[in-house]
Protein backbone atom coordinates (compact mmCIF):
# COMPACT_ATOMS: atom_id res chain seq x y z
CA MET A 1 -12.86 77.98 44.52
CA ARG A 2 -14.58 75.58 46.69
CA ASP A 3 -17.71 75.99 44.70
CA ARG A 4 -15.99 75.02 41.48
CA LYS A 5 -14.71 71.75 42.82
CA LYS A 6 -18.08 70.81 44.15
CA LYS A 7 -19.82 71.52 40.88
CA LYS A 8 -17.71 69.02 38.90
CA LYS A 9 -19.76 65.93 38.48
CA PHE A 10 -18.99 62.89 36.45
CA ASN A 11 -21.27 62.12 33.60
CA LYS A 12 -22.51 58.58 34.24
CA SER A 13 -23.90 58.18 30.77
CA TYR A 14 -20.46 58.52 29.18
CA LYS A 15 -19.61 55.49 27.05
CA ARG A 16 -16.26 54.70 25.65
CA GLN A 17 -16.20 54.23 21.96
CA PHE A 18 -13.73 52.05 20.16
CA LYS A 19 -12.57 53.53 16.92
CA MET A 20 -10.25 51.85 14.50
CA GLY A 21 -8.08 54.02 12.35
CA LYS A 22 -6.12 53.01 9.29
CA MET A 23 -2.97 52.27 11.27
CA THR A 24 -4.87 50.05 13.71
CA ILE A 25 -6.22 48.00 10.82
CA VAL A 26 -2.75 47.67 9.31
CA PHE A 27 -1.23 46.54 12.62
CA THR A 28 -4.09 44.07 13.15
CA ALA A 29 -3.50 42.61 9.71
CA VAL A 30 0.23 42.37 10.17
CA PHE A 31 0.32 40.96 13.70
CA VAL A 32 -2.79 38.76 13.71
CA ILE A 33 -3.96 37.80 10.25
CA LEU A 34 -0.60 37.41 8.52
CA PRO A 35 0.88 34.96 11.12
CA LEU A 36 -2.36 32.98 11.02
CA PHE A 37 -2.16 32.78 7.24
CA ILE A 38 1.49 31.70 7.38
CA PHE A 39 0.65 29.02 9.97
CA LEU A 40 -2.18 27.62 7.85
CA LEU A 41 0.01 27.64 4.76
CA SER A 42 2.79 25.73 6.55
CA GLN A 43 0.29 23.17 7.85
CA ARG A 44 -1.04 22.64 4.32
CA ASN A 45 2.50 22.22 3.02
CA GLN A 46 3.35 19.70 5.72
CA MET A 47 0.18 17.72 4.99
CA THR A 48 1.04 17.59 1.28
CA MET A 49 4.57 16.37 2.01
CA THR A 50 3.21 13.69 4.35
CA ASN A 51 0.74 12.50 1.71
CA ASP A 52 3.58 12.24 -0.82
CA GLN A 53 5.62 10.14 1.61
CA ILE A 54 2.63 7.88 2.26
CA ALA A 55 2.10 7.38 -1.47
CA LYS A 56 5.79 6.49 -1.97
CA LEU A 57 5.72 4.03 0.93
CA GLU A 58 2.55 2.38 -0.37
CA GLN A 59 4.17 1.97 -3.80
CA LYS A 60 7.27 0.44 -2.20
CA LYS A 61 5.07 -1.90 -0.14
CA LYS A 62 3.31 -3.06 -3.31
CA GLU A 63 6.65 -3.68 -5.06
CA LEU A 64 8.00 -5.63 -2.08
CA THR A 65 4.81 -7.70 -1.83
CA ASP A 66 5.07 -8.61 -5.52
CA GLU A 67 8.75 -9.49 -5.13
CA ASN A 68 7.94 -11.59 -2.04
CA GLN A 69 5.36 -13.60 -3.98
CA ILE A 70 7.84 -14.21 -6.80
CA LEU A 71 10.47 -15.37 -4.29
CA GLN A 72 7.99 -17.69 -2.55
CA VAL A 73 7.16 -19.35 -5.86
CA GLU A 74 10.88 -19.69 -6.63
CA ALA A 75 11.55 -21.17 -3.17
CA ALA A 76 8.75 -23.71 -3.60
CA ARG A 77 10.12 -24.68 -7.02
CA LEU A 78 13.65 -25.12 -5.66
CA GLN A 79 12.44 -27.21 -2.72
CA SER A 80 10.51 -29.64 -4.88
CA VAL A 81 11.78 -33.23 -5.01
CA GLU A 82 12.19 -33.13 -8.78
CA SER A 83 14.43 -30.08 -8.57
CA ILE A 84 16.59 -31.66 -5.89
CA GLN A 85 16.92 -34.89 -7.86
CA LYS A 86 18.03 -32.94 -10.95
CA ASP A 87 20.68 -31.09 -8.94
CA VAL A 88 22.20 -34.18 -7.25
CA PRO A 89 24.76 -34.89 -10.03
CA LYS A 90 25.82 -31.24 -10.07
CA THR A 91 26.62 -31.16 -6.36
CA ASP A 92 28.75 -34.35 -6.28
CA MET A 93 26.57 -35.94 -3.59
CA VAL A 94 26.69 -39.69 -3.13
CA PRO A 95 23.99 -41.92 -1.64
CA THR A 96 24.69 -43.40 1.80
CA LYS A 97 25.01 -47.14 2.22
CA GLN A 98 24.36 -47.51 5.92
CA VAL A 99 22.75 -45.12 8.39
CA ASP A 100 23.74 -45.29 12.06
CA TYR A 101 21.22 -43.82 14.47
CA VAL A 102 22.08 -42.71 17.99
CA ASN A 103 19.77 -43.97 20.67
CA SER A 104 18.61 -41.03 22.75
CA ALA A 105 17.71 -43.25 25.70
CA THR A 106 21.37 -43.93 26.53
CA GLY A 107 22.32 -40.26 26.45
CA VAL A 108 25.85 -41.02 25.28
CA ALA A 109 27.43 -39.36 22.29
CA VAL A 110 30.12 -41.18 20.36
CA ASN A 111 33.27 -39.52 19.01
CA ARG A 112 34.77 -40.87 15.83
């Protein structure tokens, strides 16, 4: 018996070989490729939704800019002297006869 044990030698030239069977390919596809595909698909979907939101916000910005310009023109028209003079009879304003100014050097306010 001793001789048998001594005669066993390991083959140093033995190389492990990696073989993929059908089940290994299926598991690789299911656990590696499929989640990667789902991740990429969700990223693409998120990017599309973000682009839609950006387009809507840009459209709203354009509308608000146009409205702002219209309101600025209207404000300038209403602040013009001619417009104010036309509206004086409608507002029941009367012209003042005498203006009393307070001298700021004295620092005294007057109650009436």
